[in-house]
């Protein structure tokens, strides 16, 4: 009996690029989407698996009264203390990796989509994937979208952009690129549909 072939697709893009929309469109076509960011957030919600270690490492001031990570406070902290980002990642990333492995093993789809914001920054991811799909747009479009979606000011958004890998580096890592600079969903849906056909979805 021939083993079932499963495409392992890495999906990434900068903040506000539309990566999550592409992930939803692929899911609608039958892909199994494993969202690393969602798993990470779940680890840091009330009574999440990362909370005890975060409290021990950073102090109770970084935990909200309901027992979740104080995300705005931590975001401000890691922007000004690079070593704090490394300490937080050392806590959260092993938990995320374990859950990703569990979800991948449980999938029955011919296409596993690993939605990973920091895919390019992580040396270990590339060797686990068959292809990398980057969702790209201009920096001004990113800023506009995040302003509308999150209500953040421009300085905060630009700080996030600086904390992510440069756009050119992300594009160099891509096997495929979707340029998503517009606001209309239908052109994007058509592009994703063409890729889904290629992926056997």
N, C-alpha and C. Protein backbone atom coordinates (compact mmCIF):
# COMPACT_ATOMS: atom_id res chain seq x y z
N UNK A 1 0.84 -1.19 0.00
CA UNK A 1 0.00 0.00 0.00
C UNK A 1 0.88 1.25 0.00
N UNK A 2 0.64 2.18 -0.92
CA UNK A 2 1.43 3.39 -1.04
C UNK A 2 1.05 4.38 0.05
N UNK A 3 2.06 4.98 0.67
CA UNK A 3 1.78 5.97 1.71
C UNK A 3 1.13 7.20 1.09
N UNK A 4 0.21 7.78 1.83
CA UNK A 4 -0.50 8.97 1.34
C UNK A 4 0.46 10.15 1.30
N UNK A 5 0.48 10.87 0.16
CA UNK A 5 1.33 12.04 0.02
C UNK A 5 0.63 13.26 0.61
N UNK A 6 1.31 13.93 1.50
CA UNK A 6 0.76 15.12 2.13
C UNK A 6 1.70 16.28 1.85
N UNK A 7 1.16 17.36 1.30
CA UNK A 7 1.94 18.57 1.07
C UNK A 7 2.02 19.36 2.37
N UNK A 8 3.23 19.67 2.77
CA UNK A 8 3.47 20.47 3.97
C UNK A 8 3.84 21.88 3.51
N UNK A 9 2.88 22.79 3.63
CA UNK A 9 3.03 24.15 3.11
C UNK A 9 3.23 25.13 4.25
N UNK A 10 4.31 25.88 4.19
CA UNK A 10 4.54 26.95 5.15
C UNK A 10 3.91 28.24 4.63
N UNK A 11 3.14 28.89 5.46
CA UNK A 11 2.46 30.14 5.09
C UNK A 11 2.94 31.24 6.03
N UNK A 12 3.42 32.35 5.45
CA UNK A 12 3.89 33.43 6.28
C UNK A 12 3.68 34.77 5.59
N UNK A 13 3.88 35.83 6.35
CA UNK A 13 3.71 37.18 5.84
C UNK A 13 3.79 38.14 7.00
N UNK A 14 4.13 39.39 6.72
CA UNK A 14 4.23 40.38 7.77
C UNK A 14 2.87 40.76 8.32
N UNK A 15 2.86 41.47 9.42
CA UNK A 15 1.61 41.92 10.03
C UNK A 15 0.82 42.76 9.02
N UNK A 16 -0.47 42.49 8.91
CA UNK A 16 -1.32 43.24 8.00
C UNK A 16 -1.21 42.84 6.54
N UNK A 17 -0.51 41.74 6.25
CA UNK A 17 -0.32 41.33 4.85
C UNK A 17 -1.54 40.62 4.27
N UNK A 18 -2.39 40.08 5.14
CA UNK A 18 -3.52 39.28 4.68
C UNK A 18 -3.27 37.79 4.78
N UNK A 19 -2.22 37.42 5.50
CA UNK A 19 -1.87 36.01 5.66
C UNK A 19 -3.02 35.20 6.26
N UNK A 20 -3.67 35.75 7.26
CA UNK A 20 -4.76 35.01 7.91
C UNK A 20 -5.94 34.82 6.97
N UNK A 21 -6.18 35.79 6.10
CA UNK A 21 -7.26 35.65 5.12
C UNK A 21 -6.94 34.53 4.15
N UNK A 22 -5.69 34.46 3.69
CA UNK A 22 -5.28 33.38 2.79
C UNK A 22 -5.42 32.03 3.49
N UNK A 23 -5.05 31.98 4.76
CA UNK A 23 -5.20 30.73 5.51
C UNK A 23 -6.67 30.29 5.56
N UNK A 24 -7.58 31.23 5.80
CA UNK A 24 -9.01 30.89 5.85
C UNK A 24 -9.50 30.40 4.49
N UNK A 25 -9.03 31.03 3.43
CA UNK A 25 -9.44 30.62 2.08
C UNK A 25 -8.94 29.21 1.76
N UNK A 26 -7.72 28.89 2.16
CA UNK A 26 -7.20 27.54 1.95
C UNK A 26 -7.98 26.52 2.80
N UNK A 27 -8.33 26.93 4.00
CA UNK A 27 -9.12 26.04 4.87
C UNK A 27 -10.48 25.75 4.24
N UNK A 28 -11.08 26.79 3.63
CA UNK A 28 -12.37 26.60 2.95
C UNK A 28 -12.28 25.59 1.82
N UNK A 29 -11.09 25.46 1.23
CA UNK A 29 -10.89 24.49 0.15
C UNK A 29 -10.50 23.10 0.66
N UNK A 30 -10.36 22.94 1.96
CA UNK A 30 -10.10 21.62 2.52
C UNK A 30 -8.73 21.40 3.12
N UNK A 31 -7.90 22.44 3.15
CA UNK A 31 -6.59 22.31 3.79
C UNK A 31 -6.76 22.25 5.31
N UNK A 32 -5.85 21.56 5.97
CA UNK A 32 -5.76 21.62 7.43
C UNK A 32 -4.81 22.75 7.78
N UNK A 33 -5.33 23.78 8.43
CA UNK A 33 -4.52 24.94 8.78
C UNK A 33 -4.14 24.88 10.25
N UNK A 34 -2.87 24.90 10.51
CA UNK A 34 -2.35 24.89 11.88
C UNK A 34 -1.76 26.27 12.14
N UNK A 35 -2.42 27.04 12.99
CA UNK A 35 -2.10 28.44 13.23
C UNK A 35 -1.20 28.55 14.45
N UNK A 36 0.09 28.79 14.22
CA UNK A 36 1.05 28.85 15.32
C UNK A 36 0.74 30.00 16.27
N UNK A 37 0.28 31.12 15.72
CA UNK A 37 -0.05 32.27 16.55
C UNK A 37 -1.23 31.97 17.48
N UNK A 38 -2.26 31.30 16.93
CA UNK A 38 -3.43 30.95 17.75
C UNK A 38 -3.03 29.99 18.87
N UNK A 39 -2.16 29.05 18.56
CA UNK A 39 -1.70 28.11 19.58
C UNK A 39 -0.91 28.87 20.65
N UNK A 40 -0.06 29.79 20.21
CA UNK A 40 0.73 30.59 21.15
C UNK A 40 -0.18 31.41 22.06
N UNK A 41 -1.20 32.02 21.47
CA UNK A 41 -2.14 32.82 22.28
C UNK A 41 -2.86 31.93 23.31
N UNK A 42 -3.25 30.73 22.87
CA UNK A 42 -3.95 29.82 23.78
C UNK A 42 -3.07 29.46 24.98
N UNK A 43 -1.78 29.35 24.75
CA UNK A 43 -0.85 29.03 25.84
C UNK A 43 -0.78 30.13 26.88
N UNK A 44 -1.14 31.36 26.45
CA UNK A 44 -0.98 32.50 27.35
C UNK A 44 -2.32 33.09 27.81
N UNK A 45 -3.40 32.39 27.51
CA UNK A 45 -4.71 32.80 28.02
C UNK A 45 -4.85 32.38 29.48
N UNK A 46 -6.00 32.68 30.06
CA UNK A 46 -6.26 32.31 31.45
C UNK A 46 -5.99 30.83 31.68
N UNK A 47 -5.12 30.54 32.65
CA UNK A 47 -4.73 29.17 33.00
C UNK A 47 -4.05 28.43 31.85
N UNK A 48 -3.48 29.18 30.89
CA UNK A 48 -2.76 28.56 29.78
C UNK A 48 -1.50 27.86 30.27
N UNK A 49 -1.01 26.95 29.44
CA UNK A 49 0.13 26.12 29.86
C UNK A 49 1.41 26.91 30.08
N UNK A 50 1.53 28.10 29.47
CA UNK A 50 2.75 28.90 29.63
C UNK A 50 2.71 29.84 30.82
N UNK A 51 1.55 30.03 31.41
CA UNK A 51 1.39 31.07 32.44
C UNK A 51 2.28 30.85 33.67
N UNK A 52 2.37 29.65 34.24
CA UNK A 52 3.22 29.50 35.42
C UNK A 52 4.68 29.89 35.18
N UNK A 53 5.22 29.47 34.03
CA UNK A 53 6.63 29.79 33.74
C UNK A 53 6.81 31.27 33.45
N UNK A 54 5.82 31.91 32.79
CA UNK A 54 5.91 33.35 32.54
C UNK A 54 5.90 34.12 33.85
N UNK A 55 5.02 33.74 34.75
CA UNK A 55 4.95 34.41 36.06
C UNK A 55 6.25 34.25 36.83
N UNK A 56 6.83 33.07 36.75
CA UNK A 56 8.07 32.81 37.47
C UNK A 56 9.23 33.60 36.87
N UNK A 57 9.27 33.72 35.53
CA UNK A 57 10.38 34.38 34.86
C UNK A 57 10.27 35.90 34.89
N UNK A 58 9.06 36.43 34.65
CA UNK A 58 8.89 37.87 34.50
C UNK A 58 8.23 38.54 35.70
N UNK A 59 7.59 37.76 36.54
CA UNK A 59 6.91 38.33 37.70
C UNK A 59 5.41 38.40 37.49
N UNK A 60 4.70 38.47 38.59
CA UNK A 60 3.24 38.46 38.56
C UNK A 60 2.68 39.73 37.90
N UNK A 61 3.49 40.78 37.79
CA UNK A 61 3.02 42.02 37.16
C UNK A 61 2.66 41.81 35.69
N UNK A 62 3.19 40.77 35.07
CA UNK A 62 2.91 40.50 33.66
C UNK A 62 1.72 39.57 33.47
N UNK A 63 1.04 39.25 34.57
CA UNK A 63 -0.15 38.39 34.52
C UNK A 63 -1.35 39.23 34.94
N UNK A 64 -2.43 39.15 34.16
CA UNK A 64 -3.64 39.91 34.46
C UNK A 64 -4.35 39.30 35.66
N UNK A 65 -5.30 40.03 36.26
CA UNK A 65 -6.03 39.49 37.42
C UNK A 65 -6.77 38.18 37.12
N UNK A 66 -7.16 37.95 35.86
CA UNK A 66 -7.87 36.71 35.54
C UNK A 66 -6.91 35.57 35.18
N UNK A 67 -5.59 35.81 35.29
CA UNK A 67 -4.64 34.73 35.11
C UNK A 67 -4.11 34.54 33.71
N UNK A 68 -4.22 35.57 32.85
CA UNK A 68 -3.70 35.50 31.48
C UNK A 68 -2.46 36.40 31.36
N UNK A 69 -1.72 36.23 30.28
CA UNK A 69 -0.60 37.12 30.00
C UNK A 69 -1.12 38.52 29.71
N UNK A 70 -0.50 39.52 30.31
CA UNK A 70 -0.81 40.92 30.00
C UNK A 70 -0.07 41.26 28.70
N UNK A 71 -0.75 41.04 27.57
CA UNK A 71 -0.09 41.13 26.27
C UNK A 71 0.41 42.55 25.95
N UNK A 72 -0.37 43.60 26.18
CA UNK A 72 0.18 44.94 25.89
C UNK A 72 1.44 45.25 26.71
N UNK A 73 1.41 44.87 27.98
CA UNK A 73 2.59 45.13 28.84
C UNK A 73 3.80 44.34 28.35
N UNK A 74 3.58 43.06 28.00
CA UNK A 74 4.69 42.25 27.51
C UNK A 74 5.19 42.77 26.17
N UNK A 75 4.26 43.18 25.29
CA UNK A 75 4.67 43.71 23.98
C UNK A 75 5.58 44.92 24.16
N UNK A 76 5.21 45.84 25.04
CA UNK A 76 6.04 47.02 25.30
C UNK A 76 7.39 46.61 25.89
N UNK A 77 7.37 45.62 26.75
CA UNK A 77 8.60 45.18 27.43
C UNK A 77 9.59 44.56 26.44
N UNK A 78 9.12 43.69 25.56
CA UNK A 78 10.06 43.01 24.66
C UNK A 78 10.59 43.94 23.58
N UNK A 79 9.84 45.00 23.25
CA UNK A 79 10.36 45.96 22.27
C UNK A 79 11.60 46.67 22.79
N UNK A 80 11.65 46.90 24.08
CA UNK A 80 12.78 47.64 24.67
C UNK A 80 13.82 46.72 25.33
N UNK A 81 13.50 45.43 25.46
CA UNK A 81 14.42 44.48 26.09
C UNK A 81 14.50 43.21 25.22
N UNK A 82 15.40 43.18 24.25
CA UNK A 82 15.49 42.02 23.33
C UNK A 82 15.68 40.70 24.06
N UNK A 83 16.38 40.72 25.18
CA UNK A 83 16.60 39.47 25.92
C UNK A 83 15.30 38.94 26.50
N UNK A 84 14.34 39.83 26.75
CA UNK A 84 13.04 39.40 27.27
C UNK A 84 12.28 38.62 26.22
N UNK A 85 12.38 39.04 24.96
CA UNK A 85 11.74 38.29 23.87
C UNK A 85 12.29 36.87 23.81
N UNK A 86 13.60 36.73 23.94
CA UNK A 86 14.21 35.40 23.89
C UNK A 86 13.73 34.53 25.06
N UNK A 87 13.61 35.14 26.22
CA UNK A 87 13.15 34.38 27.40
C UNK A 87 11.70 33.94 27.23
N UNK A 88 10.87 34.84 26.67
CA UNK A 88 9.46 34.48 26.45
C UNK A 88 9.35 33.37 25.41
N UNK A 89 10.11 33.48 24.33
CA UNK A 89 10.07 32.46 23.29
C UNK A 89 10.55 31.11 23.81
N UNK A 90 11.53 31.13 24.72
CA UNK A 90 12.03 29.87 25.29
C UNK A 90 10.96 29.15 26.11
N UNK A 91 10.01 29.91 26.62
CA UNK A 91 8.90 29.32 27.36
C UNK A 91 7.80 28.84 26.41
N UNK A 92 7.41 29.70 25.48
CA UNK A 92 6.23 29.44 24.66
C UNK A 92 6.50 28.49 23.50
N UNK A 93 7.64 28.65 22.83
CA UNK A 93 7.87 27.89 21.59
C UNK A 93 7.83 26.37 21.76
N UNK A 94 8.45 25.79 22.81
CA UNK A 94 8.35 24.32 22.94
C UNK A 94 6.90 23.85 23.10
N UNK A 95 6.08 24.62 23.80
CA UNK A 95 4.66 24.26 23.95
C UNK A 95 3.94 24.33 22.61
N UNK A 96 4.26 25.35 21.83
CA UNK A 96 3.64 25.50 20.52
C UNK A 96 4.06 24.37 19.59
N UNK A 97 5.33 24.05 19.59
CA UNK A 97 5.83 22.96 18.72
C UNK A 97 5.15 21.63 19.05
N UNK A 98 4.97 21.35 20.32
CA UNK A 98 4.33 20.09 20.71
C UNK A 98 2.89 20.03 20.22
N UNK A 99 2.16 21.14 20.32
CA UNK A 99 0.77 21.16 19.86
C UNK A 99 0.69 21.08 18.34
N UNK A 100 1.62 21.72 17.64
CA UNK A 100 1.66 21.63 16.18
C UNK A 100 1.86 20.18 15.74
N UNK A 101 2.78 19.48 16.39
CA UNK A 101 3.01 18.07 16.04
C UNK A 101 1.75 17.24 16.28
N UNK A 102 1.05 17.52 17.36
CA UNK A 102 -0.16 16.76 17.67
C UNK A 102 -1.23 17.00 16.61
N UNK A 103 -1.45 18.25 16.23
CA UNK A 103 -2.47 18.57 15.23
C UNK A 103 -2.11 18.02 13.85
N UNK A 104 -0.84 18.08 13.50
CA UNK A 104 -0.41 17.55 12.20
C UNK A 104 -0.64 16.05 12.11
N UNK A 105 -0.35 15.35 13.20
CA UNK A 105 -0.53 13.90 13.21
C UNK A 105 -2.01 13.51 13.10
N UNK A 106 -2.89 14.40 13.57
CA UNK A 106 -4.33 14.09 13.56
C UNK A 106 -5.02 14.48 12.25
N UNK A 107 -4.32 15.17 11.36
CA UNK A 107 -4.95 15.67 10.13
C UNK A 107 -5.14 14.57 9.10
N UNK A 108 -6.22 14.68 8.31
CA UNK A 108 -6.47 13.76 7.21
C UNK A 108 -6.48 14.48 5.86
N UNK A 109 -6.09 15.75 5.82
CA UNK A 109 -6.09 16.54 4.59
C UNK A 109 -4.85 16.24 3.74
N UNK A 110 -4.96 16.37 2.41
CA UNK A 110 -3.77 16.21 1.56
C UNK A 110 -2.83 17.41 1.63
N UNK A 111 -3.26 18.48 2.31
CA UNK A 111 -2.43 19.69 2.41
C UNK A 111 -2.45 20.20 3.84
N UNK A 112 -1.29 20.20 4.46
CA UNK A 112 -1.13 20.75 5.80
C UNK A 112 -0.54 22.15 5.65
N UNK A 113 -1.26 23.15 6.11
CA UNK A 113 -0.78 24.53 6.04
C UNK A 113 -0.32 24.96 7.43
N UNK A 114 0.96 25.29 7.52
CA UNK A 114 1.52 25.75 8.78
C UNK A 114 1.61 27.28 8.72
N UNK A 115 0.67 27.93 9.39
CA UNK A 115 0.57 29.38 9.41
C UNK A 115 1.50 29.90 10.50
N UNK A 116 2.68 30.38 10.08
CA UNK A 116 3.74 30.72 11.04
C UNK A 116 4.27 32.13 10.74
N UNK A 117 3.93 33.12 11.57
CA UNK A 117 4.41 34.48 11.31
C UNK A 117 5.93 34.59 11.25
N UNK A 118 6.65 33.84 12.11
CA UNK A 118 8.11 33.95 12.18
C UNK A 118 8.80 32.79 11.46
N UNK A 119 8.17 32.28 10.43
CA UNK A 119 8.70 31.13 9.71
C UNK A 119 10.11 31.40 9.16
N UNK A 120 10.29 32.55 8.53
CA UNK A 120 11.58 32.87 7.90
C UNK A 120 12.66 33.06 8.95
N UNK A 121 12.28 33.63 10.11
CA UNK A 121 13.25 33.87 11.17
C UNK A 121 13.71 32.59 11.85
N UNK A 122 12.95 31.52 11.73
CA UNK A 122 13.24 30.27 12.43
C UNK A 122 13.96 29.29 11.51
N UNK A 123 15.21 28.97 11.84
CA UNK A 123 16.02 28.09 10.99
C UNK A 123 15.44 26.68 10.90
N UNK A 124 14.71 26.25 11.91
CA UNK A 124 14.25 24.86 11.95
C UNK A 124 13.05 24.60 11.03
N UNK A 125 12.31 25.66 10.64
CA UNK A 125 11.07 25.42 9.92
C UNK A 125 11.29 24.98 8.48
N UNK A 126 12.23 25.57 7.78
CA UNK A 126 12.37 25.33 6.35
C UNK A 126 12.54 23.85 6.02
N UNK A 127 13.31 23.13 6.81
CA UNK A 127 13.58 21.73 6.54
C UNK A 127 12.36 20.84 6.78
N UNK A 128 11.35 21.37 7.44
CA UNK A 128 10.14 20.59 7.71
C UNK A 128 9.06 20.78 6.66
N UNK A 129 9.31 21.65 5.67
CA UNK A 129 8.28 22.04 4.72
C UNK A 129 8.63 21.65 3.29
N UNK A 130 7.59 21.41 2.49
CA UNK A 130 7.79 21.17 1.06
C UNK A 130 7.87 22.48 0.28
N UNK A 131 7.05 23.45 0.66
CA UNK A 131 7.04 24.75 -0.01
C UNK A 131 6.73 25.84 1.00
N UNK A 132 7.14 27.06 0.64
CA UNK A 132 6.84 28.23 1.46
C UNK A 132 6.07 29.23 0.61
N UNK A 133 4.89 29.62 1.11
CA UNK A 133 4.05 30.61 0.46
C UNK A 133 4.09 31.89 1.29
N UNK A 134 4.51 32.99 0.67
CA UNK A 134 4.58 34.28 1.35
C UNK A 134 3.45 35.17 0.83
N UNK A 135 2.70 35.76 1.75
CA UNK A 135 1.70 36.77 1.40
C UNK A 135 2.36 38.13 1.62
N UNK A 136 2.37 38.94 0.57
CA UNK A 136 3.16 40.16 0.58
C UNK A 136 2.30 41.37 0.22
N UNK A 137 2.68 42.53 0.75
CA UNK A 137 2.08 43.80 0.34
C UNK A 137 3.04 44.90 0.73
N UNK A 138 2.75 46.12 0.32
CA UNK A 138 3.62 47.24 0.65
C UNK A 138 3.54 47.56 2.14
N UNK A 139 4.58 48.20 2.65
CA UNK A 139 4.59 48.56 4.07
C UNK A 139 3.48 49.55 4.40
N UNK A 140 3.20 50.47 3.49
CA UNK A 140 2.13 51.44 3.75
C UNK A 140 0.77 50.74 3.86
N UNK A 141 0.58 49.70 3.05
CA UNK A 141 -0.66 48.93 3.15
C UNK A 141 -0.73 48.20 4.49
N UNK A 142 0.38 47.65 4.93
CA UNK A 142 0.41 47.01 6.25
C UNK A 142 0.01 47.99 7.35
N UNK A 143 0.60 49.18 7.32
CA UNK A 143 0.32 50.18 8.35
C UNK A 143 -1.15 50.59 8.32
N UNK A 144 -1.68 50.79 7.12
CA UNK A 144 -3.08 51.20 7.00
C UNK A 144 -4.02 50.12 7.53
N UNK A 145 -3.76 48.89 7.16
CA UNK A 145 -4.63 47.80 7.61
C UNK A 145 -4.60 47.62 9.12
N UNK A 146 -3.40 47.65 9.70
CA UNK A 146 -3.29 47.42 11.14
C UNK A 146 -3.89 48.60 11.91
N UNK A 147 -3.75 49.80 11.38
CA UNK A 147 -4.39 50.96 12.01
C UNK A 147 -5.90 50.78 12.04
N UNK A 148 -6.46 50.34 10.92
CA UNK A 148 -7.92 50.15 10.84
C UNK A 148 -8.38 48.98 11.69
N UNK A 149 -7.59 47.92 11.71
CA UNK A 149 -8.00 46.70 12.42
C UNK A 149 -7.79 46.79 13.92
N UNK A 150 -6.61 47.28 14.35
CA UNK A 150 -6.22 47.25 15.75
C UNK A 150 -6.31 48.60 16.45
N UNK A 151 -6.34 49.67 15.66
CA UNK A 151 -6.36 50.99 16.27
C UNK A 151 -5.02 51.44 16.83
N UNK A 152 -3.94 50.76 16.45
CA UNK A 152 -2.62 51.14 16.95
C UNK A 152 -2.14 52.41 16.26
N UNK A 153 -1.24 53.16 16.93
CA UNK A 153 -0.66 54.32 16.27
C UNK A 153 0.50 53.88 15.38
N UNK A 154 0.92 54.78 14.51
CA UNK A 154 1.93 54.44 13.51
C UNK A 154 3.25 54.00 14.14
N UNK A 155 3.67 54.67 15.23
CA UNK A 155 4.94 54.31 15.87
C UNK A 155 4.92 52.87 16.37
N UNK A 156 3.79 52.45 16.95
CA UNK A 156 3.68 51.08 17.45
C UNK A 156 3.77 50.07 16.30
N UNK A 157 3.07 50.37 15.21
CA UNK A 157 3.08 49.46 14.06
C UNK A 157 4.47 49.38 13.46
N UNK A 158 5.13 50.53 13.32
CA UNK A 158 6.48 50.52 12.75
C UNK A 158 7.46 49.76 13.65
N UNK A 159 7.25 49.81 14.96
CA UNK A 159 8.09 49.03 15.87
C UNK A 159 7.88 47.54 15.66
N UNK A 160 6.63 47.13 15.42
CA UNK A 160 6.36 45.72 15.12
C UNK A 160 7.02 45.33 13.81
N UNK A 161 6.91 46.18 12.80
CA UNK A 161 7.52 45.88 11.50
C UNK A 161 9.04 45.73 11.64
N UNK A 162 9.65 46.57 12.44
CA UNK A 162 11.11 46.47 12.64
C UNK A 162 11.49 45.19 13.37
N UNK A 163 10.57 44.69 14.21
CA UNK A 163 10.86 43.47 14.97
C UNK A 163 10.73 42.21 14.12
N UNK A 164 10.04 42.33 12.97
CA UNK A 164 9.90 41.20 12.06
C UNK A 164 11.02 41.23 11.03
N UNK A 165 11.20 40.13 10.34
CA UNK A 165 12.29 40.09 9.36
C UNK A 165 11.96 41.03 8.19
N UNK A 166 12.98 41.58 7.52
CA UNK A 166 12.73 42.50 6.42
C UNK A 166 11.92 41.84 5.31
N UNK A 167 11.13 42.65 4.64
CA UNK A 167 10.28 42.15 3.55
C UNK A 167 11.12 41.42 2.49
N UNK A 168 12.27 41.98 2.13
CA UNK A 168 13.11 41.37 1.10
C UNK A 168 13.58 39.99 1.51
N UNK A 169 13.92 39.83 2.79
CA UNK A 169 14.36 38.52 3.29
C UNK A 169 13.23 37.50 3.21
N UNK A 170 12.02 37.94 3.53
CA UNK A 170 10.87 37.05 3.47
C UNK A 170 10.62 36.60 2.03
N UNK A 171 10.73 37.52 1.09
CA UNK A 171 10.49 37.18 -0.32
C UNK A 171 11.56 36.23 -0.84
N UNK A 172 12.79 36.39 -0.39
CA UNK A 172 13.86 35.49 -0.82
C UNK A 172 13.62 34.05 -0.36
N UNK A 173 12.92 33.90 0.75
CA UNK A 173 12.66 32.56 1.30
C UNK A 173 11.47 31.88 0.64
N UNK A 174 10.75 32.60 -0.22
CA UNK A 174 9.48 32.10 -0.76
C UNK A 174 9.68 31.18 -1.96
N UNK A 175 8.88 30.13 -2.04
CA UNK A 175 8.72 29.35 -3.27
C UNK A 175 7.60 29.94 -4.11
N UNK A 176 6.62 30.56 -3.44
CA UNK A 176 5.47 31.19 -4.10
C UNK A 176 5.13 32.46 -3.34
N UNK A 177 4.65 33.47 -4.08
CA UNK A 177 4.28 34.74 -3.46
C UNK A 177 2.90 35.15 -3.95
N UNK A 178 2.04 35.55 -3.01
CA UNK A 178 0.78 36.22 -3.35
C UNK A 178 0.94 37.68 -2.98
N UNK A 179 0.86 38.58 -3.97
CA UNK A 179 0.93 40.01 -3.70
C UNK A 179 -0.48 40.50 -3.43
N UNK A 180 -0.70 40.96 -2.20
CA UNK A 180 -2.05 41.25 -1.72
C UNK A 180 -2.13 42.71 -1.25
N UNK A 181 -2.04 43.63 -2.20
CA UNK A 181 -2.01 45.04 -1.85
C UNK A 181 -3.39 45.69 -1.93
N UNK A 182 -4.39 44.96 -2.39
CA UNK A 182 -5.71 45.55 -2.56
C UNK A 182 -6.63 45.26 -1.39
N UNK A 183 -7.86 45.72 -1.53
CA UNK A 183 -8.86 45.53 -0.48
C UNK A 183 -10.02 44.64 -0.95
N UNK A 184 -9.98 44.17 -2.17
CA UNK A 184 -11.06 43.34 -2.69
C UNK A 184 -10.74 41.87 -2.43
N UNK A 185 -11.71 41.13 -1.91
CA UNK A 185 -11.48 39.73 -1.57
C UNK A 185 -11.50 38.82 -2.79
N UNK A 186 -12.29 39.15 -3.81
CA UNK A 186 -12.46 38.22 -4.92
C UNK A 186 -11.18 37.96 -5.70
N UNK A 187 -10.38 38.99 -6.05
CA UNK A 187 -9.10 38.67 -6.72
C UNK A 187 -8.21 37.75 -5.88
N UNK A 188 -8.20 37.98 -4.58
CA UNK A 188 -7.42 37.12 -3.69
C UNK A 188 -7.98 35.71 -3.67
N UNK A 189 -9.30 35.59 -3.63
CA UNK A 189 -9.93 34.27 -3.63
C UNK A 189 -9.57 33.50 -4.90
N UNK A 190 -9.54 34.20 -6.05
CA UNK A 190 -9.19 33.52 -7.31
C UNK A 190 -7.75 33.03 -7.29
N UNK A 191 -6.83 33.86 -6.78
CA UNK A 191 -5.43 33.45 -6.70
C UNK A 191 -5.26 32.23 -5.79
N UNK A 192 -5.91 32.28 -4.63
CA UNK A 192 -5.82 31.15 -3.70
C UNK A 192 -6.45 29.91 -4.32
N UNK A 193 -7.54 30.08 -5.08
CA UNK A 193 -8.18 28.95 -5.74
C UNK A 193 -7.26 28.26 -6.73
N UNK A 194 -6.48 29.05 -7.47
CA UNK A 194 -5.52 28.46 -8.41
C UNK A 194 -4.47 27.64 -7.68
N UNK A 195 -4.00 28.16 -6.55
CA UNK A 195 -3.02 27.41 -5.76
C UNK A 195 -3.65 26.16 -5.16
N UNK A 196 -4.88 26.28 -4.70
CA UNK A 196 -5.57 25.12 -4.12
C UNK A 196 -5.72 24.02 -5.15
N UNK A 197 -6.01 24.38 -6.40
CA UNK A 197 -6.09 23.37 -7.45
C UNK A 197 -4.75 22.65 -7.59
N UNK A 198 -3.67 23.41 -7.54
CA UNK A 198 -2.33 22.83 -7.66
C UNK A 198 -2.01 21.92 -6.48
N UNK A 199 -2.55 22.27 -5.31
CA UNK A 199 -2.27 21.50 -4.10
C UNK A 199 -3.17 20.26 -3.97
N UNK A 200 -4.08 20.07 -4.92
CA UNK A 200 -4.96 18.92 -4.87
C UNK A 200 -6.14 19.09 -3.93
N UNK A 201 -6.55 20.34 -3.71
CA UNK A 201 -7.67 20.61 -2.81
C UNK A 201 -8.94 20.87 -3.61
